[in-house]
Amino acid sequence: MSDGSFFQRDRDWQPAALTPQYKTSLKRSPTHALLSMDSSISERTGPTFNQNMLGELDNDLVLNYAKDGELPVGERIIVQGRVLDENARPVPGVLLEFWQANAGGRYRHKKDGYLAPLDPNFGGCGRTISAADGSYAFRSIKPGPYPWPNGVNDWRPSHIHFSLFGSGFAQRLITQMYFEGDPLIWKCPIVSMIPNKGGIEQLIARIDMNATMPMDAIAYRFDIVLRGRRSTMFENRLEGN
């Protein structure tokens, strides 16, 4: 990156834009050949974020929607890790936003038609900013799997969505995190779009007993790599990151 640009993406590592087994990609995939363009100064610099923009409970999904004296239902978890570049250098000041379904597999969204009940004490979204060493952490409830109208009997594994704004707009990343040991990962049409098993395993958070809070919450470690040949998967789209 001596010229001020970010690492180039590896198209063979990332999912293809058109993957028929994931029906939504039929409408999202480009209809014309891709064009290669140099990143602009504005794409390499900014946006910038600081802790002053965060609320006290923004990174605590257990409490940030709960009513007084009540708590959401489900397995309490801690998700923590580091945001890095391709050379394993920390990327500080990254805004991480995350959203997820509740323990029953339902999102707090008006278009979610799954029959699982809403949890009145769980909102399912939050945010935080990476520290000087690239570290981040938040507390939540482990989301449940849910069916989706892709195939006759397709189910999404338990997962958490991430949106990241790096040190420049060209590092924009939207991805999903899965949980170690979930058998549905290997049956999911979205996951199967990733052509490399190493890329899939990069999306799986591992149990971290050293960070677990005894008698409280199981911890999972999820490191995220921005840009480059082995960047964390950007869902099924070719723009961003």
C-alpha atoms as a PDB file:
ATOM      1  CA  MET A   1       0.000   0.000   0.000  1.00  0.00           C
ATOM      2  CA  SER A   2       2.968   2.303  -0.567  1.00  0.00           C
ATOM      3  CA  ASP A   3       1.061   4.221  -3.235  1.00  0.00           C
ATOM      4  CA  GLY A   4      -1.716   5.035  -0.785  1.00  0.00           C
ATOM      5  CA  SER A   5      -4.115   2.463  -2.213  1.00  0.00           C
ATOM      6  CA  PHE A   6      -5.634  -0.473  -0.388  1.00  0.00           C
ATOM      7  CA  PHE A   7      -4.863  -4.083  -1.187  1.00  0.00           C
ATOM      8  CA  GLN A   8      -6.655  -5.446  -4.235  1.00  0.00           C
ATOM      9  CA  ARG A   9      -9.394  -8.024  -3.766  1.00  0.00           C
ATOM     10  CA  ASP A  10      -8.956 -11.614  -4.903  1.00  0.00           C
ATOM     11  CA  ARG A  11     -11.988 -12.451  -7.061  1.00  0.00           C
ATOM     12  CA  ASP A  12     -11.243 -16.180  -6.727  1.00  0.00           C
ATOM     13  CA  TRP A  13     -11.430 -15.951  -2.926  1.00  0.00           C
ATOM     14  CA  GLN A  14     -14.708 -14.017  -2.746  1.00  0.00           C
ATOM     15  CA  PRO A  15     -18.124 -15.444  -3.729  1.00  0.00           C
ATOM     16  CA  ALA A  16     -19.271 -15.074  -7.304  1.00  0.00           C
ATOM     17  CA  ALA A  17     -21.978 -12.466  -7.849  1.00  0.00           C
ATOM     18  CA  LEU A  18     -24.221 -14.933  -9.709  1.00  0.00           C
ATOM     19  CA  THR A  19     -24.935 -18.142  -7.787  1.00  0.00           C
ATOM     20  CA  PRO A  20     -28.228 -19.798  -8.838  1.00  0.00           C
ATOM     21  CA  GLN A  21     -28.489 -21.857  -5.629  1.00  0.00           C
ATOM     22  CA  TYR A  22     -28.976 -18.527  -3.830  1.00  0.00           C
ATOM     23  CA  LYS A  23     -32.000 -17.162  -5.663  1.00  0.00           C
ATOM     24  CA  THR A  24     -31.587 -13.555  -4.536  1.00  0.00           C
ATOM     25  CA  SER A  25     -28.283 -13.329  -6.421  1.00  0.00           C
ATOM     26  CA  LEU A  26     -30.159 -13.710  -9.719  1.00  0.00           C
ATOM     27  CA  LYS A  27     -31.475 -10.164  -9.270  1.00  0.00           C
ATOM     28  CA  ARG A  28     -28.367  -8.704  -7.633  1.00  0.00           C
ATOM     29  CA  SER A  29     -25.678  -9.865 -10.044  1.00  0.00           C
ATOM     30  CA  PRO A  30     -24.243  -7.409 -12.630  1.00  0.00           C
ATOM     31  CA  THR A  31     -25.585  -7.522 -16.173  1.00  0.00           C
ATOM     32  CA  HIS A  32     -22.493  -5.909 -17.738  1.00  0.00           C
ATOM     33  CA  ALA A  33     -18.764  -6.554 -17.533  1.00  0.00           C
ATOM     34  CA  LEU A  34     -17.006  -5.141 -14.482  1.00  0.00           C
ATOM     35  CA  LEU A  35     -14.777  -2.080 -14.809  1.00  0.00           C
ATOM     36  CA  SER A  36     -11.548  -1.592 -12.856  1.00  0.00           C
ATOM     37  CA  MET A  37     -11.085   1.922 -11.488  1.00  0.00           C
ATOM     38  CA  ASP A  38      -8.461   3.449  -9.219  1.00  0.00           C
ATOM     39  CA  SER A  39      -9.717   4.479  -5.798  1.00  0.00           C
ATOM     40  CA  SER A  40     -10.098   8.201  -5.219  1.00  0.00           C
ATOM     41  CA  ILE A  41      -8.650  10.197  -2.332  1.00  0.00           C
ATOM     42  CA  SER A  42     -12.081  10.371  -0.701  1.00  0.00           C
ATOM     43  CA  GLU A  43     -12.340   6.567  -0.857  1.00  0.00           C
ATOM     44  CA  ARG A  44      -8.954   6.167   0.838  1.00  0.00           C
ATOM     45  CA  THR A  45      -9.560   8.707   3.601  1.00  0.00           C
ATOM     46  CA  GLY A  46     -12.455   8.830   6.022  1.00  0.00           C
ATOM     47  CA  PRO A  47     -14.939   8.492   7.418  1.00  0.00           C
ATOM     48  CA  THR A  48     -13.690   8.908  10.974  1.00  0.00           C
ATOM     49  CA  PHE A  49     -15.445   7.839  14.147  1.00  0.00           C
ATOM     50  CA  ASN A  50     -14.892   8.318  17.869  1.00  0.00           C
ATOM     51  CA  GLN A  51     -16.240   6.957  21.133  1.00  0.00           C
ATOM     52  CA  ASN A  52     -18.284  10.112  21.760  1.00  0.00           C
ATOM     53  CA  MET A  53     -20.835   8.988  19.169  1.00  0.00           C
ATOM     54  CA  LEU A  54     -21.643   5.789  21.081  1.00  0.00           C
ATOM     55  CA  GLY A  55     -24.313   5.312  23.701  1.00  0.00           C
ATOM     56  CA  GLU A  56     -23.554   3.631  27.021  1.00  0.00           C
ATOM     57  CA  LEU A  57     -25.262   0.354  26.025  1.00  0.00           C
ATOM     58  CA  ASP A  58     -24.645   0.375  22.277  1.00  0.00           C
ATOM     59  CA  ASN A  59     -22.413  -2.707  22.559  1.00  0.00           C
ATOM     60  CA  ASP A  60     -24.649  -4.561  25.017  1.00  0.00           C
ATOM     61  CA  LEU A  61     -27.557  -6.213  23.201  1.00  0.00           C
ATOM     62  CA  VAL A  62     -28.527  -7.984  26.429  1.00  0.00           C
ATOM     63  CA  LEU A  63     -29.475  -4.685  28.048  1.00  0.00           C
ATOM     64  CA  ASN A  64     -29.939  -2.045  25.326  1.00  0.00           C
ATOM     65  CA  TYR A  65     -33.576  -2.983  24.633  1.00  0.00           C
ATOM     66  CA  ALA A  66     -34.530  -4.671  27.908  1.00  0.00           C
ATOM     67  CA  LYS A  67     -37.206  -3.224  30.131  1.00  0.00           C
ATOM     68  CA  ASP A  68     -36.383  -2.366  33.733  1.00  0.00           C
ATOM     69  CA  GLY A  69     -35.931  -5.518  35.774  1.00  0.00           C
ATOM     70  CA  GLU A  70     -36.303  -7.837  32.765  1.00  0.00           C
ATOM     71  CA  LEU A  71     -33.856  -9.582  30.432  1.00  0.00           C
ATOM     72  CA  PRO A  72     -34.080 -11.205  26.989  1.00  0.00           C
ATOM     73  CA  VAL A  73     -34.489 -14.961  26.655  1.00  0.00           C
ATOM     74  CA  GLY A  74     -31.635 -17.101  25.367  1.00  0.00           C
ATOM     75  CA  GLU A  75     -28.006 -18.097  25.678  1.00  0.00           C
ATOM     76  CA  ARG A  76     -25.865 -15.133  26.705  1.00  0.00           C
ATOM     77  CA  ILE A  77     -22.723 -14.682  24.622  1.00  0.00           C
ATOM     78  CA  ILE A  78     -19.745 -12.378  24.224  1.00  0.00           C
ATOM     79  CA  VAL A  79     -18.353 -11.748  20.732  1.00  0.00           C
ATOM     80  CA  GLN A  80     -14.836 -10.305  20.633  1.00  0.00           C
ATOM     81  CA  GLY A  81     -11.920 -10.143  18.255  1.00  0.00           C
ATOM     82  CA  ARG A  82      -9.732  -7.795  16.237  1.00  0.00           C
ATOM     83  CA  VAL A  83     -10.090  -5.848  13.001  1.00  0.00           C
ATOM     84  CA  LEU A  84      -6.931  -6.320  10.906  1.00  0.00           C
ATOM     85  CA  ASP A  85      -5.518  -5.602   7.457  1.00  0.00           C
ATOM     86  CA  GLU A  86      -3.972  -8.253   5.226  1.00  0.00           C
ATOM     87  CA  ASN A  87      -0.599  -7.881   6.957  1.00  0.00           C
ATOM     88  CA  ALA A  88      -2.216  -8.593  10.355  1.00  0.00           C
ATOM     89  CA  ARG A  89      -1.823  -4.965  11.410  1.00  0.00           C
ATOM     90  CA  PRO A  90      -4.623  -3.619  13.650  1.00  0.00           C
ATOM     91  CA  VAL A  91      -7.131  -1.198  12.163  1.00  0.00           C
ATOM     92  CA  PRO A  92      -8.297   1.198  14.911  1.00  0.00           C
ATOM     93  CA  GLY A  93     -11.290   3.509  14.805  1.00  0.00           C
ATOM     94  CA  VAL A  94     -13.465   1.130  12.774  1.00  0.00           C
ATOM     95  CA  LEU A  95     -17.200   1.516  13.269  1.00  0.00           C
ATOM     96  CA  LEU A  96     -18.722  -1.954  13.666  1.00  0.00           C
ATOM     97  CA  GLU A  97     -22.499  -2.290  13.485  1.00  0.00           C
ATOM     98  CA  PHE A  98     -24.180  -5.631  14.134  1.00  0.00           C
ATOM     99  CA  TRP A  99     -27.714  -6.978  13.931  1.00  0.00           C
ATOM    100  CA  GLN A 100     -29.280 -10.385  14.410  1.00  0.00           C
ATOM    101  CA  ALA A 101     -32.350 -12.501  15.070  1.00  0.00           C
ATOM    102  CA  ASN A 102     -33.429 -13.318  18.617  1.00  0.00           C
ATOM    103  CA  ALA A 103     -32.984 -16.697  20.323  1.00  0.00           C
ATOM    104  CA  GLY A 104     -36.021 -18.030  18.444  1.00  0.00           C
ATOM    105  CA  GLY A 105     -34.661 -17.017  15.045  1.00  0.00           C
ATOM    106  CA  ARG A 106     -36.858 -13.958  14.471  1.00  0.00           C
ATOM    107  CA  TYR A 107     -35.756 -10.424  13.581  1.00  0.00           C
ATOM    108  CA  ARG A 108     -37.394  -7.321  14.978  1.00  0.00           C
ATOM    109  CA  HIS A 109     -38.419  -6.235  11.484  1.00  0.00           C
ATOM    110  CA  LYS A 110     -41.900  -5.643  10.084  1.00  0.00           C
ATOM    111  CA  LYS A 111     -41.209  -7.863   7.071  1.00  0.00           C
ATOM    112  CA  ASP A 112     -40.024 -10.870   9.083  1.00  0.00           C
ATOM    113  CA  GLY A 113     -42.860 -13.375   8.756  1.00  0.00           C
ATOM    114  CA  TYR A 114     -41.329 -16.271  10.701  1.00  0.00           C
ATOM    115  CA  LEU A 115     -43.733 -17.701  13.296  1.00  0.00           C
ATOM    116  CA  ALA A 116     -41.248 -17.531  16.177  1.00  0.00           C
ATOM    117  CA  PRO A 117     -42.282 -14.928  18.772  1.00  0.00           C
ATOM    118  CA  LEU A 118     -40.632 -11.560  19.229  1.00  0.00           C
ATOM    119  CA  ASP A 119     -38.762 -11.060  22.486  1.00  0.00           C
ATOM    120  CA  PRO A 120     -40.030  -7.824  24.087  1.00  0.00           C
ATOM    121  CA  ASN A 121     -36.634  -7.356  25.766  1.00  0.00           C
ATOM    122  CA  PHE A 122     -34.388  -7.873  22.735  1.00  0.00           C
ATOM    123  CA  GLY A 123     -33.827  -5.345  19.955  1.00  0.00           C
ATOM    124  CA  GLY A 124     -31.149  -7.250  18.082  1.00  0.00           C
ATOM    125  CA  CYS A 125     -28.821  -4.420  17.017  1.00  0.00           C
ATOM    126  CA  GLY A 126     -25.860  -2.486  18.334  1.00  0.00           C
ATOM    127  CA  ARG A 127     -22.520  -0.917  17.470  1.00  0.00           C
ATOM    128  CA  THR A 128     -19.001  -0.292  18.749  1.00  0.00           C
ATOM    129  CA  ILE A 129     -15.645   1.148  17.597  1.00  0.00           C
ATOM    130  CA  SER A 130     -12.377  -0.779  17.406  1.00  0.00           C
ATOM    131  CA  ALA A 131      -9.643   0.234  19.867  1.00  0.00           C
ATOM    132  CA  ALA A 132      -6.054   1.227  19.126  1.00  0.00           C
ATOM    133  CA  ASP A 133      -5.043  -2.436  18.898  1.00  0.00           C
ATOM    134  CA  GLY A 134      -7.972  -3.200  16.562  1.00  0.00           C
ATOM    135  CA  SER A 135      -9.920  -5.014  19.283  1.00  0.00           C
ATOM    136  CA  TYR A 136     -13.685  -4.904  19.727  1.00  0.00           C
ATOM    137  CA  ALA A 137     -16.253  -6.684  21.880  1.00  0.00           C
ATOM    138  CA  PHE A 138     -19.985  -6.800  22.488  1.00  0.00           C
ATOM    139  CA  ARG A 139     -22.466  -8.828  24.510  1.00  0.00           C
ATOM    140  CA  SER A 140     -25.591 -10.444  23.092  1.00  0.00           C
ATOM    141  CA  ILE A 141     -27.964 -13.406  22.973  1.00  0.00           C
ATOM    142  CA  LYS A 142     -27.066 -16.277  20.650  1.00  0.00           C
ATOM    143  CA  PRO A 143     -29.437 -16.053  17.651  1.00  0.00           C
ATOM    144  CA  GLY A 144     -31.516 -19.027  16.576  1.00  0.00           C
ATOM    145  CA  PRO A 145     -31.654 -20.562  13.077  1.00  0.00           C
ATOM    146  CA  TYR A 146     -34.670 -19.909  10.873  1.00  0.00           C
ATOM    147  CA  PRO A 147     -36.253 -21.159   7.626  1.00  0.00           C
ATOM    148  CA  TRP A 148     -36.186 -18.975   4.516  1.00  0.00           C
ATOM    149  CA  PRO A 149     -37.982 -19.179   1.146  1.00  0.00           C
ATOM    150  CA  ASN A 150     -35.028 -20.087  -1.045  1.00  0.00           C
ATOM    151  CA  GLY A 151     -35.466 -23.832  -1.569  1.00  0.00           C
ATOM    152  CA  VAL A 152     -38.116 -26.256  -0.342  1.00  0.00           C
ATOM    153  CA  ASN A 153     -36.485 -26.715   3.049  1.00  0.00           C
ATOM    154  CA  ASP A 154     -33.608 -24.249   3.427  1.00  0.00           C
ATOM    155  CA  TRP A 155     -32.552 -22.989   6.862  1.00  0.00           C
ATOM    156  CA  ARG A 156     -30.113 -20.253   7.793  1.00  0.00           C
ATOM    157  CA  PRO A 157     -27.535 -21.207  10.434  1.00  0.00           C
ATOM    158  CA  SER A 158     -27.345 -19.076  13.549  1.00  0.00           C
ATOM    159  CA  HIS A 159     -25.514 -15.932  12.502  1.00  0.00           C
ATOM    160  CA  ILE A 160     -24.817 -12.276  13.266  1.00  0.00           C
ATOM    161  CA  HIS A 161     -24.585  -9.614  10.550  1.00  0.00           C
ATOM    162  CA  PHE A 162     -21.662  -7.160  10.613  1.00  0.00           C
ATOM    163  CA  SER A 163     -21.222  -3.825   8.866  1.00  0.00           C
ATOM    164  CA  LEU A 164     -17.784  -2.194   9.060  1.00  0.00           C
ATOM    165  CA  PHE A 165     -16.469   1.216   8.014  1.00  0.00           C
ATOM    166  CA  GLY A 166     -12.662   1.033   7.920  1.00  0.00           C
ATOM    167  CA  SER A 167     -10.115   3.816   7.617  1.00  0.00           C
ATOM    168  CA  GLY A 168     -11.451   4.607   4.128  1.00  0.00           C
ATOM    169  CA  PHE A 169     -14.699   4.065   2.222  1.00  0.00           C
ATOM    170  CA  ALA A 170     -12.888   1.501   0.054  1.00  0.00           C
ATOM    171  CA  GLN A 171     -12.655  -0.739   3.129  1.00  0.00           C
ATOM    172  CA  ARG A 172     -16.427  -0.960   3.496  1.00  0.00           C
ATOM    173  CA  LEU A 173     -17.396  -4.485   4.518  1.00  0.00           C
ATOM    174  CA  ILE A 174     -20.698  -6.246   5.150  1.00  0.00           C
ATOM    175  CA  THR A 175     -20.447  -9.846   6.291  1.00  0.00           C
ATOM    176  CA  GLN A 176     -21.918 -12.557   8.514  1.00  0.00           C
ATOM    177  CA  MET A 177     -20.494 -14.482  11.455  1.00  0.00           C
ATOM    178  CA  TYR A 178     -21.390 -18.102  12.188  1.00  0.00           C
ATOM    179  CA  PHE A 179     -20.831 -20.244  15.281  1.00  0.00           C
ATOM    180  CA  GLU A 180     -18.408 -23.103  15.758  1.00  0.00           C
ATOM    181  CA  GLY A 181     -20.049 -26.535  15.640  1.00  0.00           C
ATOM    182  CA  ASP A 182     -23.267 -25.525  13.856  1.00  0.00           C
ATOM    183  CA  PRO A 183     -24.095 -28.296  11.307  1.00  0.00           C
ATOM    184  CA  LEU A 184     -26.367 -25.955   9.329  1.00  0.00           C
ATOM    185  CA  ILE A 185     -23.340 -23.944   8.148  1.00  0.00           C
ATOM    186  CA  TRP A 186     -22.404 -26.641   5.647  1.00  0.00           C
ATOM    187  CA  LYS A 187     -25.974 -26.980   4.366  1.00  0.00           C
ATOM    188  CA  CYS A 188     -26.612 -23.276   3.727  1.00  0.00           C
ATOM    189  CA  PRO A 189     -26.906 -22.122   0.072  1.00  0.00           C
ATOM    190  CA  ILE A 190     -25.436 -18.714   0.954  1.00  0.00           C
ATOM    191  CA  VAL A 191     -22.375 -20.244   2.602  1.00  0.00           C
ATOM    192  CA  SER A 192     -21.938 -22.675  -0.302  1.00  0.00           C
ATOM    193  CA  MET A 193     -21.321 -19.732  -2.658  1.00  0.00           C
ATOM    194  CA  ILE A 194     -17.854 -19.299  -1.147  1.00  0.00           C
ATOM    195  CA  PRO A 195     -15.450 -21.243  -3.398  1.00  0.00           C
ATOM    196  CA  ASN A 196     -12.765 -21.866  -0.778  1.00  0.00           C
ATOM    197  CA  LYS A 197     -13.206 -23.819   2.452  1.00  0.00           C
ATOM    198  CA  GLY A 198     -10.697 -21.524   4.134  1.00  0.00           C
ATOM    199  CA  GLY A 199     -12.940 -18.592   3.285  1.00  0.00           C
ATOM    200  CA  ILE A 200     -15.895 -20.314   4.937  1.00  0.00           C
ATOM    201  CA  GLU A 201     -13.904 -21.146   8.056  1.00  0.00           C
ATOM    202  CA  GLN A 202     -12.889 -17.480   8.262  1.00  0.00           C
ATOM    203  CA  LEU A 203     -16.574 -16.680   8.907  1.00  0.00           C
ATOM    204  CA  ILE A 204     -16.893 -19.132  11.808  1.00  0.00           C
ATOM    205  CA  ALA A 205     -16.371 -17.706  15.297  1.00  0.00           C
ATOM    206  CA  ARG A 206     -14.521 -20.066  17.621  1.00  0.00           C
ATOM    207  CA  ILE A 207     -15.324 -20.611  21.282  1.00  0.00           C
ATOM    208  CA  ASP A 208     -12.822 -18.704  23.426  1.00  0.00           C
ATOM    209  CA  MET A 209     -12.824 -20.126  26.940  1.00  0.00           C
ATOM    210  CA  ASN A 210     -10.263 -17.551  28.078  1.00  0.00           C
ATOM    211  CA  ALA A 211     -12.767 -14.752  27.448  1.00  0.00           C
ATOM    212  CA  THR A 212     -15.832 -16.609  28.725  1.00  0.00           C
ATOM    213  CA  MET A 213     -17.501 -15.204  31.832  1.00  0.00           C
ATOM    214  CA  PRO A 214     -18.088 -18.118  34.261  1.00  0.00           C
ATOM    215  CA  MET A 215     -21.743 -18.657  35.162  1.00  0.00           C
ATOM    216  CA  ASP A 216     -22.714 -15.884  32.744  1.00  0.00           C
ATOM    217  CA  ALA A 217     -21.750 -15.864  29.057  1.00  0.00           C
ATOM    218  CA  ILE A 218     -19.869 -18.038  26.544  1.00  0.00           C
ATOM    219  CA  ALA A 219     -17.313 -16.091  24.493  1.00  0.00           C
ATOM    220  CA  TYR A 220     -16.637 -16.409  20.766  1.00  0.00           C
ATOM    221  CA  ARG A 221     -13.665 -14.949  18.898  1.00  0.00           C
ATOM    222  CA  PHE A 222     -14.194 -13.448  15.449  1.00  0.00           C
ATOM    223  CA  ASP A 223     -11.296 -11.653  13.759  1.00  0.00           C
ATOM    224  CA  ILE A 224     -12.072  -9.621  10.631  1.00  0.00           C
ATOM    225  CA  VAL A 225      -9.649  -8.844   7.784  1.00  0.00           C
ATOM    226  CA  LEU A 226     -10.269  -5.721   5.679  1.00  0.00           C
ATOM    227  CA  ARG A 227      -9.294  -5.722   1.976  1.00  0.00           C
ATOM    228  CA  GLY A 228      -6.677  -7.836   0.262  1.00  0.00           C
ATOM    229  CA  ARG A 229      -6.306 -11.362  -1.023  1.00  0.00           C
ATOM    230  CA  ARG A 230      -7.688 -13.005   2.109  1.00  0.00           C
ATOM    231  CA  SER A 231     -10.187 -10.430   3.281  1.00  0.00           C
ATOM    232  CA  THR A 232     -13.276 -11.549   5.166  1.00  0.00           C
ATOM    233  CA  MET A 233     -16.115 -12.480   2.795  1.00  0.00           C
ATOM    234  CA  PHE A 234     -18.327  -9.649   1.566  1.00  0.00           C
ATOM    235  CA  GLU A 235     -21.598 -11.646   1.413  1.00  0.00           C
ATOM    236  CA  ASN A 236     -22.372 -12.272  -2.286  1.00  0.00           C
ATOM    237  CA  ARG A 237     -21.590  -8.863  -3.745  1.00  0.00           C
ATOM    238  CA  LEU A 238     -18.508  -7.627  -5.518  1.00  0.00           C
ATOM    239  CA  GLU A 239     -18.688  -4.004  -4.397  1.00  0.00           C
ATOM    240  CA  GLY A 240     -17.120  -2.815  -1.173  1.00  0.00           C
ATOM    241  CA  ASN A 241     -14.196  -4.138   0.889  1.00  0.00           C
END
